[in-house]
Amino acid sequence: MSDIIDKAVSALAVKLPNGFSSTAKFVIKDEGSIIIDADGVRAGDDEADVTLIADANTFRGILEGDVNPTMAFMTGKLKIDGSMGLAMQLGAALS
């Protein structure tokens, strides 16, 4: 597992200490993926209700609050596959 995935798992665990009501997957291009569900946050590539795909810099910016997830999506830096409503809930939980 990459350092970027390890750091992202740690950061997401702090922001979402109770996990997420559905299953979401973050895919960080060229690094790996992270699953967030009712059990918490972990590295993994399970099936998910919503998948968010971006490069490492975009994810880092979202986690640090420097990148607005909605703007990242609108400018093509963040791609969403699955439920847009869940993506919006997750974005709100991360801000």
PDB file of N, CA and C in Angstrom:
ATOM      1  N   MET A   1       0.842  -1.180   0.000  1.00  0.00           N
ATOM      2  CA  MET A   1       0.000   0.000   0.000  1.00  0.00           C
ATOM      3  C   MET A   1       0.888   1.245   0.000  1.00  0.00           C
ATOM      4  N   SER A   2       0.466   2.259  -0.703  1.00  0.00           N
ATOM      5  CA  SER A   2       1.274   3.463  -0.823  1.00  0.00           C
ATOM      6  C   SER A   2       1.131   4.371   0.398  1.00  0.00           C
ATOM      7  N   ASP A   3       2.107   5.237   0.571  1.00  0.00           N
ATOM      8  CA  ASP A   3       2.046   6.224   1.654  1.00  0.00           C
ATOM      9  C   ASP A   3       0.840   7.138   1.494  1.00  0.00           C
ATOM     10  N   ILE A   4       0.521   7.462   0.246  1.00  0.00           N
ATOM     11  CA  ILE A   4      -0.614   8.346  -0.005  1.00  0.00           C
ATOM     12  C   ILE A   4      -1.911   7.695   0.480  1.00  0.00           C
ATOM     13  N   ILE A   5      -2.090   6.416   0.195  1.00  0.00           N
ATOM     14  CA  ILE A   5      -3.288   5.706   0.656  1.00  0.00           C
ATOM     15  C   ILE A   5      -3.301   5.651   2.182  1.00  0.00           C
ATOM     16  N   ASP A   6      -2.162   5.314   2.796  1.00  0.00           N
ATOM     17  CA  ASP A   6      -2.079   5.264   4.261  1.00  0.00           C
ATOM     18  C   ASP A   6      -2.480   6.596   4.885  1.00  0.00           C
ATOM     19  N   LYS A   7      -1.934   7.696   4.359  1.00  0.00           N
ATOM     20  CA  LYS A   7      -2.233   9.022   4.901  1.00  0.00           C
ATOM     21  C   LYS A   7      -3.690   9.400   4.669  1.00  0.00           C
ATOM     22  N   ALA A   8      -4.228   9.037   3.511  1.00  0.00           N
ATOM     23  CA  ALA A   8      -5.626   9.350   3.220  1.00  0.00           C
ATOM     24  C   ALA A   8      -6.560   8.566   4.135  1.00  0.00           C
ATOM     25  N   VAL A   9      -6.247   7.297   4.386  1.00  0.00           N
ATOM     26  CA  VAL A   9      -7.070   6.487   5.309  1.00  0.00           C
ATOM     27  C   VAL A   9      -7.078   7.143   6.689  1.00  0.00           C
ATOM     28  N   SER A  10      -5.908   7.556   7.167  1.00  0.00           N
ATOM     29  CA  SER A  10      -5.811   8.204   8.486  1.00  0.00           C
ATOM     30  C   SER A  10      -6.609   9.498   8.528  1.00  0.00           C
ATOM     31  N   ALA A  11      -6.480  10.325   7.491  1.00  0.00           N
ATOM     32  CA  ALA A  11      -7.184  11.613   7.454  1.00  0.00           C
ATOM     33  C   ALA A  11      -8.696  11.406   7.383  1.00  0.00           C
ATOM     34  N   LEU A  12      -9.133  10.452   6.575  1.00  0.00           N
ATOM     35  CA  LEU A  12     -10.570  10.190   6.458  1.00  0.00           C
ATOM     36  C   LEU A  12     -11.139   9.608   7.749  1.00  0.00           C
ATOM     37  N   ALA A  13     -10.359   8.784   8.440  1.00  0.00           N
ATOM     38  CA  ALA A  13     -10.817   8.207   9.705  1.00  0.00           C
ATOM     39  C   ALA A  13     -11.062   9.296  10.747  1.00  0.00           C
ATOM     40  N   VAL A  14     -10.257  10.359  10.714  1.00  0.00           N
ATOM     41  CA  VAL A  14     -10.449  11.481  11.636  1.00  0.00           C
ATOM     42  C   VAL A  14     -11.706  12.265  11.258  1.00  0.00           C
ATOM     43  N   LYS A  15     -11.895  12.499   9.955  1.00  0.00           N
ATOM     44  CA  LYS A  15     -13.051  13.276   9.498  1.00  0.00           C
ATOM     45  C   LYS A  15     -14.360  12.498   9.601  1.00  0.00           C
ATOM     46  N   LEU A  16     -14.292  11.172   9.492  1.00  0.00           N
ATOM     47  CA  LEU A  16     -15.489  10.338   9.536  1.00  0.00           C
ATOM     48  C   LEU A  16     -15.325   9.248  10.602  1.00  0.00           C
ATOM     49  N   PRO A  17     -15.248   9.638  11.883  1.00  0.00           N
ATOM     50  CA  PRO A  17     -14.962   8.659  12.940  1.00  0.00           C
ATOM     51  C   PRO A  17     -16.031   7.572  13.080  1.00  0.00           C
ATOM     52  N   ASN A  18     -17.249   7.858  12.614  1.00  0.00           N
ATOM     53  CA  ASN A  18     -18.335   6.871  12.700  1.00  0.00           C
ATOM     54  C   ASN A  18     -18.602   6.198  11.364  1.00  0.00           C
ATOM     55  N   GLY A  19     -17.667   6.342  10.430  1.00  0.00           N
ATOM     56  CA  GLY A  19     -17.849   5.744   9.122  1.00  0.00           C
ATOM     57  C   GLY A  19     -18.860   6.525   8.295  1.00  0.00           C
ATOM     58  N   PHE A  20     -19.517   5.817   7.364  1.00  0.00           N
ATOM     59  CA  PHE A  20     -20.465   6.428   6.444  1.00  0.00           C
ATOM     60  C   PHE A  20     -21.642   5.474   6.302  1.00  0.00           C
ATOM     61  N   SER A  21     -22.850   6.007   6.204  1.00  0.00           N
ATOM     62  CA  SER A  21     -24.042   5.169   6.219  1.00  0.00           C
ATOM     63  C   SER A  21     -24.149   4.227   5.019  1.00  0.00           C
ATOM     64  N   SER A  22     -23.567   4.589   3.908  1.00  0.00           N
ATOM     65  CA  SER A  22     -23.542   3.734   2.718  1.00  0.00           C
ATOM     66  C   SER A  22     -22.098   3.325   2.465  1.00  0.00           C
ATOM     67  N   THR A  23     -21.845   2.748   1.308  1.00  0.00           N
ATOM     68  CA  THR A  23     -20.475   2.365   0.965  1.00  0.00           C
ATOM     69  C   THR A  23     -19.966   3.288  -0.127  1.00  0.00           C
ATOM     70  N   ALA A  24     -18.844   3.946   0.161  1.00  0.00           N
ATOM     71  CA  ALA A  24     -18.217   4.850  -0.798  1.00  0.00           C
ATOM     72  C   ALA A  24     -16.786   4.389  -1.037  1.00  0.00           C
ATOM     73  N   LYS A  25     -16.317   4.632  -2.248  1.00  0.00           N
ATOM     74  CA  LYS A  25     -14.943   4.282  -2.585  1.00  0.00           C
ATOM     75  C   LYS A  25     -14.251   5.500  -3.183  1.00  0.00           C
ATOM     76  N   PHE A  26     -13.068   5.798  -2.673  1.00  0.00           N
ATOM     77  CA  PHE A  26     -12.198   6.809  -3.268  1.00  0.00           C
ATOM     78  C   PHE A  26     -11.144   6.065  -4.078  1.00  0.00           C
ATOM     79  N   VAL A  27     -11.033   6.381  -5.344  1.00  0.00           N
ATOM     80  CA  VAL A  27      -9.972   5.819  -6.179  1.00  0.00           C
ATOM     81  C   VAL A  27      -8.986   6.944  -6.446  1.00  0.00           C
ATOM     82  N   ILE A  28      -7.771   6.768  -5.952  1.00  0.00           N
ATOM     83  CA  ILE A  28      -6.711   7.744  -6.178  1.00  0.00           C
ATOM     84  C   ILE A  28      -5.847   7.190  -7.302  1.00  0.00           C
ATOM     85  N   LYS A  29      -5.888   7.868  -8.441  1.00  0.00           N
ATOM     86  CA  LYS A  29      -5.208   7.384  -9.642  1.00  0.00           C
ATOM     87  C   LYS A  29      -3.751   7.046  -9.357  1.00  0.00           C
ATOM     88  N   ASP A  30      -3.331   5.894  -9.838  1.00  0.00           N
ATOM     89  CA  ASP A  30      -1.954   5.392  -9.725  1.00  0.00           C
ATOM     90  C   ASP A  30      -1.519   5.086  -8.296  1.00  0.00           C
ATOM     91  N   GLU A  31      -2.460   5.103  -7.336  1.00  0.00           N
ATOM     92  CA  GLU A  31      -2.106   4.839  -5.942  1.00  0.00           C
ATOM     93  C   GLU A  31      -2.891   3.675  -5.345  1.00  0.00           C
ATOM     94  N   GLY A  32      -4.202   3.650  -5.551  1.00  0.00           N
ATOM     95  CA  GLY A  32      -5.043   2.608  -4.969  1.00  0.00           C
ATOM     96  C   GLY A  32      -6.402   3.166  -4.614  1.00  0.00           C
ATOM     97  N   SER A  33      -7.110   2.443  -3.752  1.00  0.00           N
ATOM     98  CA  SER A  33      -8.456   2.888  -3.387  1.00  0.00           C
ATOM     99  C   SER A  33      -8.739   2.686  -1.909  1.00  0.00           C
ATOM    100  N   ILE A  34      -9.743   3.426  -1.462  1.00  0.00           N
ATOM    101  CA  ILE A  34     -10.128   3.453  -0.052  1.00  0.00           C
ATOM    102  C   ILE A  34     -11.638   3.232   0.021  1.00  0.00           C
ATOM    103  N   ILE A  35     -12.052   2.421   0.960  1.00  0.00           N
ATOM    104  CA  ILE A  35     -13.470   2.158   1.195  1.00  0.00           C
ATOM    105  C   ILE A  35     -13.895   2.827   2.495  1.00  0.00           C
ATOM    106  N   ILE A  36     -15.060   3.470   2.452  1.00  0.00           N
ATOM    107  CA  ILE A  36     -15.662   4.060   3.645  1.00  0.00           C
ATOM    108  C   ILE A  36     -17.077   3.493   3.751  1.00  0.00           C
ATOM    109  N   ASP A  37     -17.373   2.873   4.887  1.00  0.00           N
ATOM    110  CA  ASP A  37     -18.719   2.327   5.097  1.00  0.00           C
ATOM    111  C   ASP A  37     -19.039   2.376   6.583  1.00  0.00           C
ATOM    112  N   ALA A  38     -20.066   1.673   6.996  1.00  0.00           N
ATOM    113  CA  ALA A  38     -20.486   1.696   8.398  1.00  0.00           C
ATOM    114  C   ALA A  38     -19.413   1.135   9.330  1.00  0.00           C
ATOM    115  N   ASP A  39     -18.488   0.322   8.800  1.00  0.00           N
ATOM    116  CA  ASP A  39     -17.404  -0.240   9.607  1.00  0.00           C
ATOM    117  C   ASP A  39     -16.224   0.705   9.749  1.00  0.00           C
ATOM    118  N   GLY A  40     -16.219   1.818   9.014  1.00  0.00           N
ATOM    119  CA  GLY A  40     -15.127   2.774   9.103  1.00  0.00           C
ATOM    120  C   GLY A  40     -14.424   2.973   7.775  1.00  0.00           C
ATOM    121  N   VAL A  41     -13.138   3.289   7.858  1.00  0.00           N
ATOM    122  CA  VAL A  41     -12.322   3.621   6.692  1.00  0.00           C
ATOM    123  C   VAL A  41     -11.186   2.621   6.587  1.00  0.00           C
ATOM    124  N   ARG A  42     -10.942   2.123   5.369  1.00  0.00           N
ATOM    125  CA  ARG A  42      -9.835   1.173   5.162  1.00  0.00           C
ATOM    126  C   ARG A  42      -9.416   1.187   3.695  1.00  0.00           C
ATOM    127  N   ALA A  43      -8.208   0.757   3.444  1.00  0.00           N
ATOM    128  CA  ALA A  43      -7.771   0.556   2.068  1.00  0.00           C
ATOM    129  C   ALA A  43      -8.534  -0.644   1.529  1.00  0.00           C
ATOM    130  N   GLY A  44      -8.972  -0.570   0.287  1.00  0.00           N
ATOM    131  CA  GLY A  44      -9.694  -1.693  -0.297  1.00  0.00           C
ATOM    132  C   GLY A  44     -10.317  -1.327  -1.619  1.00  0.00           C
ATOM    133  N   ASP A  45     -10.794  -2.342  -2.307  1.00  0.00           N
ATOM    134  CA  ASP A  45     -11.362  -2.137  -3.635  1.00  0.00           C
ATOM    135  C   ASP A  45     -12.708  -2.854  -3.749  1.00  0.00           C
ATOM    136  N   ASP A  46     -13.513  -2.797  -2.676  1.00  0.00           N
ATOM    137  CA  ASP A  46     -14.808  -3.451  -2.660  1.00  0.00           C
ATOM    138  C   ASP A  46     -15.797  -2.711  -3.568  1.00  0.00           C
ATOM    139  N   GLU A  47     -16.937  -3.368  -3.817  1.00  0.00           N
ATOM    140  CA  GLU A  47     -18.027  -2.701  -4.528  1.00  0.00           C
ATOM    141  C   GLU A  47     -18.539  -1.557  -3.651  1.00  0.00           C
ATOM    142  N   ALA A  48     -19.015  -0.493  -4.296  1.00  0.00           N
ATOM    143  CA  ALA A  48     -19.488   0.666  -3.539  1.00  0.00           C
ATOM    144  C   ALA A  48     -20.720   1.264  -4.204  1.00  0.00           C
ATOM    145  N   ASP A  49     -21.511   1.987  -3.405  1.00  0.00           N
ATOM    146  CA  ASP A  49     -22.690   2.680  -3.920  1.00  0.00           C
ATOM    147  C   ASP A  49     -22.299   3.927  -4.707  1.00  0.00           C
ATOM    148  N   VAL A  50     -21.155   4.503  -4.356  1.00  0.00           N
ATOM    149  CA  VAL A  50     -20.631   5.666  -5.065  1.00  0.00           C
ATOM    150  C   VAL A  50     -19.108   5.563  -5.085  1.00  0.00           C
ATOM    151  N   THR A  51     -18.522   5.886  -6.224  1.00  0.00           N
ATOM    152  CA  THR A  51     -17.073   5.880  -6.375  1.00  0.00           C
ATOM    153  C   THR A  51     -16.633   7.263  -6.822  1.00  0.00           C
ATOM    154  N   LEU A  52     -15.644   7.805  -6.118  1.00  0.00           N
ATOM    155  CA  LEU A  52     -15.075   9.109  -6.457  1.00  0.00           C
ATOM    156  C   LEU A  52     -13.661   8.883  -6.949  1.00  0.00           C
ATOM    157  N   ILE A  53     -13.331   9.435  -8.106  1.00  0.00           N
ATOM    158  CA  ILE A  53     -12.053   9.178  -8.757  1.00  0.00           C
ATOM    159  C   ILE A  53     -11.346  10.501  -9.017  1.00  0.00           C
ATOM    160  N   ALA A  54     -10.086  10.590  -8.575  1.00  0.00           N
ATOM    161  CA  ALA A  54      -9.291  11.796  -8.812  1.00  0.00           C
ATOM    162  C   ALA A  54      -7.818  11.459  -8.632  1.00  0.00           C
ATOM    163  N   ASP A  55      -6.963  12.425  -8.958  1.00  0.00           N
ATOM    164  CA  ASP A  55      -5.536  12.220  -8.716  1.00  0.00           C
ATOM    165  C   ASP A  55      -5.206  12.560  -7.264  1.00  0.00           C
ATOM    166  N   ALA A  56      -3.995  12.240  -6.864  1.00  0.00           N
ATOM    167  CA  ALA A  56      -3.588  12.418  -5.470  1.00  0.00           C
ATOM    168  C   ALA A  56      -3.666  13.872  -5.027  1.00  0.00           C
ATOM    169  N   ASN A  57      -3.280  14.812  -5.885  1.00  0.00           N
ATOM    170  CA  ASN A  57      -3.306  16.225  -5.495  1.00  0.00           C
ATOM    171  C   ASN A  57      -4.719  16.721  -5.248  1.00  0.00           C
ATOM    172  N   THR A  58      -5.667  16.282  -6.079  1.00  0.00           N
ATOM    173  CA  THR A  58      -7.056  16.695  -5.884  1.00  0.00           C
ATOM    174  C   THR A  58      -7.605  16.141  -4.580  1.00  0.00           C
ATOM    175  N   PHE A  59      -7.354  14.852  -4.304  1.00  0.00           N
ATOM    176  CA  PHE A  59      -7.831  14.271  -3.048  1.00  0.00           C
ATOM    177  C   PHE A  59      -7.195  14.946  -1.847  1.00  0.00           C
ATOM    178  N   ARG A  60      -5.913  15.209  -1.927  1.00  0.00           N
ATOM    179  CA  ARG A  60      -5.229  15.889  -0.817  1.00  0.00           C
ATOM    180  C   ARG A  60      -5.888  17.245  -0.579  1.00  0.00           C
ATOM    181  N   GLY A  61      -6.154  17.982  -1.648  1.00  0.00           N
ATOM    182  CA  GLY A  61      -6.787  19.291  -1.520  1.00  0.00           C
ATOM    183  C   GLY A  61      -8.172  19.209  -0.904  1.00  0.00           C
ATOM    184  N   ILE A  62      -8.950  18.188  -1.298  1.00  0.00           N
ATOM    185  CA  ILE A  62     -10.280  18.008  -0.718  1.00  0.00           C
ATOM    186  C   ILE A  62     -10.166  17.712   0.772  1.00  0.00           C
ATOM    187  N   LEU A  63      -9.263  16.812   1.137  1.00  0.00           N
ATOM    188  CA  LEU A  63      -9.100  16.434   2.547  1.00  0.00           C
ATOM    189  C   LEU A  63      -8.598  17.586   3.401  1.00  0.00           C
ATOM    190  N   GLU A  64      -7.742  18.425   2.823  1.00  0.00           N
ATOM    191  CA  GLU A  64      -7.178  19.548   3.577  1.00  0.00           C
ATOM    192  C   GLU A  64      -8.071  20.782   3.544  1.00  0.00           C
ATOM    193  N   GLY A  65      -9.139  20.725   2.752  1.00  0.00           N
ATOM    194  CA  GLY A  65     -10.055  21.852   2.679  1.00  0.00           C
ATOM    195  C   GLY A  65      -9.653  22.917   1.680  1.00  0.00           C
ATOM    196  N   ASP A  66      -8.612  22.677   0.887  1.00  0.00           N
ATOM    197  CA  ASP A  66      -8.150  23.653  -0.103  1.00  0.00           C
ATOM    198  C   ASP A  66      -8.892  23.536  -1.433  1.00  0.00           C
ATOM    199  N   VAL A  67      -9.529  22.375  -1.670  1.00  0.00           N
ATOM    200  CA  VAL A  67     -10.251  22.140  -2.920  1.00  0.00           C
ATOM    201  C   VAL A  67     -11.711  21.840  -2.588  1.00  0.00           C
ATOM    202  N   ASN A  68     -12.601  22.586  -3.198  1.00  0.00           N
ATOM    203  CA  ASN A  68     -14.033  22.364  -3.026  1.00  0.00           C
ATOM    204  C   ASN A  68     -14.431  21.161  -3.882  1.00  0.00           C
ATOM    205  N   PRO A  69     -15.015  20.110  -3.275  1.00  0.00           N
ATOM    206  CA  PRO A  69     -15.367  18.919  -4.055  1.00  0.00           C
ATOM    207  C   PRO A  69     -16.310  19.214  -5.222  1.00  0.00           C
ATOM    208  N   THR A  70     -17.264  20.127  -5.030  1.00  0.00           N
ATOM    209  CA  THR A  70     -18.195  20.465  -6.102  1.00  0.00           C
ATOM    210  C   THR A  70     -17.461  21.110  -7.272  1.00  0.00           C
ATOM    211  N   MET A  71     -16.555  22.025  -6.971  1.00  0.00           N
ATOM    212  CA  MET A  71     -15.787  22.676  -8.033  1.00  0.00           C
ATOM    213  C   MET A  71     -14.860  21.673  -8.727  1.00  0.00           C
ATOM    214  N   ALA A  72     -14.284  20.760  -7.948  1.00  0.00           N
ATOM    215  CA  ALA A  72     -13.425  19.736  -8.542  1.00  0.00           C
ATOM    216  C   ALA A  72     -14.226  18.885  -9.523  1.00  0.00           C
ATOM    217  N   PHE A  73     -15.465  18.556  -9.157  1.00  0.00           N
ATOM    218  CA  PHE A  73     -16.329  17.779 -10.047  1.00  0.00           C
ATOM    219  C   PHE A  73     -16.675  18.594 -11.292  1.00  0.00           C
ATOM    220  N   MET A  74     -17.058  19.841 -11.101  1.00  0.00           N
ATOM    221  CA  MET A  74     -17.483  20.678 -12.226  1.00  0.00           C
ATOM    222  C   MET A  74     -16.343  20.962 -13.199  1.00  0.00           C
ATOM    223  N   THR A  75     -15.110  20.955 -12.719  1.00  0.00           N
ATOM    224  CA  THR A  75     -13.971  21.216 -13.600  1.00  0.00           C
ATOM    225  C   THR A  75     -13.332  19.932 -14.124  1.00  0.00           C
ATOM    226  N   GLY A  76     -13.927  18.785 -13.797  1.00  0.00           N
ATOM    227  CA  GLY A  76     -13.429  17.519 -14.321  1.00  0.00           C
ATOM    228  C   GLY A  76     -12.273  16.905 -13.549  1.00  0.00           C
ATOM    229  N   LYS A  77     -11.894  17.507 -12.431  1.00  0.00           N
ATOM    230  CA  LYS A  77     -10.800  16.953 -11.627  1.00  0.00           C
ATOM    231  C   LYS A  77     -11.259  15.798 -10.746  1.00  0.00           C
ATOM    232  N   LEU A  78     -12.559  15.739 -10.474  1.00  0.00           N
ATOM    233  CA  LEU A  78     -13.160  14.685  -9.668  1.00  0.00           C
ATOM    234  C   LEU A  78     -14.277  14.045 -10.486  1.00  0.00           C
ATOM    235  N   LYS A  79     -14.192  12.736 -10.655  1.00  0.00           N
ATOM    236  CA  LYS A  79     -15.226  12.006 -11.379  1.00  0.00           C
ATOM    237  C   LYS A  79     -16.034  11.188 -10.366  1.00  0.00           C
ATOM    238  N   ILE A  80     -17.331  11.078 -10.628  1.00  0.00           N
ATOM    239  CA  ILE A  80     -18.211  10.353  -9.717  1.00  0.00           C
ATOM    240  C   ILE A  80     -18.951   9.279 -10.506  1.00  0.00           C
ATOM    241  N   ASP A  81     -18.919   8.067  -9.971  1.00  0.00           N
ATOM    242  CA  ASP A  81     -19.638   6.946 -10.570  1.00  0.00           C
ATOM    243  C   ASP A  81     -20.591   6.404  -9.511  1.00  0.00           C
ATOM    244  N   GLY A  82     -21.876   6.423  -9.798  1.00  0.00           N
ATOM    245  CA  GLY A  82     -22.855   5.950  -8.824  1.00  0.00           C
ATOM    246  C   GLY A  82     -23.738   7.084  -8.350  1.00  0.00           C
ATOM    247  N   SER A  83     -24.194   6.973  -7.131  1.00  0.00           N
ATOM    248  CA  SER A  83     -25.181   7.891  -6.570  1.00  0.00           C
ATOM    249  C   SER A  83     -24.618   9.296  -6.327  1.00  0.00           C
ATOM    250  N   MET A  84     -25.147  10.265  -7.067  1.00  0.00           N
ATOM    251  CA  MET A  84     -24.724  11.658  -6.881  1.00  0.00           C
ATOM    252  C   MET A  84     -25.162  12.157  -5.504  1.00  0.00           C
ATOM    253  N   GLY A  85     -26.324  11.713  -5.025  1.00  0.00           N
ATOM    254  CA  GLY A  85     -26.797  12.118  -3.705  1.00  0.00           C
ATOM    255  C   GLY A  85     -25.837  11.678  -2.602  1.00  0.00           C
ATOM    256  N   LEU A  86     -25.330  10.437  -2.696  1.00  0.00           N
ATOM    257  CA  LEU A  86     -24.358   9.958  -1.711  1.00  0.00           C
ATOM    258  C   LEU A  86     -23.043  10.726  -1.821  1.00  0.00           C
ATOM    259  N   ALA A  87     -22.647  11.051  -3.044  1.00  0.00           N
ATOM    260  CA  ALA A  87     -21.430  11.842  -3.236  1.00  0.00           C
ATOM    261  C   ALA A  87     -21.554  13.201  -2.551  1.00  0.00           C
ATOM    262  N   MET A  88     -22.733  13.802  -2.662  1.00  0.00           N
ATOM    263  CA  MET A  88     -22.961  15.096  -2.023  1.00  0.00           C
ATOM    264  C   MET A  88     -22.960  14.968  -0.504  1.00  0.00           C
ATOM    265  N   GLN A  89     -23.555  13.896   0.022  1.00  0.00           N
ATOM    266  CA  GLN A  89     -23.529  13.657   1.478  1.00  0.00           C
ATOM    267  C   GLN A  89     -22.099  13.489   1.962  1.00  0.00           C
ATOM    268  N   LEU A  90     -21.310  12.739   1.214  1.00  0.00           N
ATOM    269  CA  LEU A  90     -19.919  12.528   1.592  1.00  0.00           C
ATOM    270  C   LEU A  90     -19.131  13.816   1.539  1.00  0.00           C
ATOM    271  N   GLY A  91     -19.355  14.607   0.496  1.00  0.00           N
ATOM    272  CA  GLY A  91     -18.676  15.899   0.384  1.00  0.00           C
ATOM    273  C   GLY A  91     -19.003  16.803   1.548  1.00  0.00           C
ATOM    274  N   ALA A  92     -20.273  16.819   1.961  1.00  0.00           N
ATOM    275  CA  ALA A  92     -20.675  17.646   3.107  1.00  0.00           C
ATOM    276  C   ALA A  92     -20.028  17.146   4.391  1.00  0.00           C
ATOM    277  N   ALA A  93     -19.912  15.823   4.537  1.00  0.00           N
ATOM    278  CA  ALA A  93     -19.295  15.247   5.741  1.00  0.00           C
ATOM    279  C   ALA A  93     -17.802  15.559   5.824  1.00  0.00           C
ATOM    280  N   LEU A  94     -17.170  15.733   4.681  1.00  0.00           N
ATOM    281  CA  LEU A  94     -15.733  15.979   4.668  1.00  0.00           C
ATOM    282  C   LEU A  94     -15.384  17.438   4.870  1.00  0.00           C
ATOM    283  N   SER A  95     -16.368  18.358   4.707  1.00  0.00           N
ATOM    284  CA  SER A  95     -16.018  19.774   4.855  1.00  0.00           C
ATOM    285  C   SER A  95     -16.140  20.257   6.270  1.00  0.00           C
TER     286      SER A  95
END
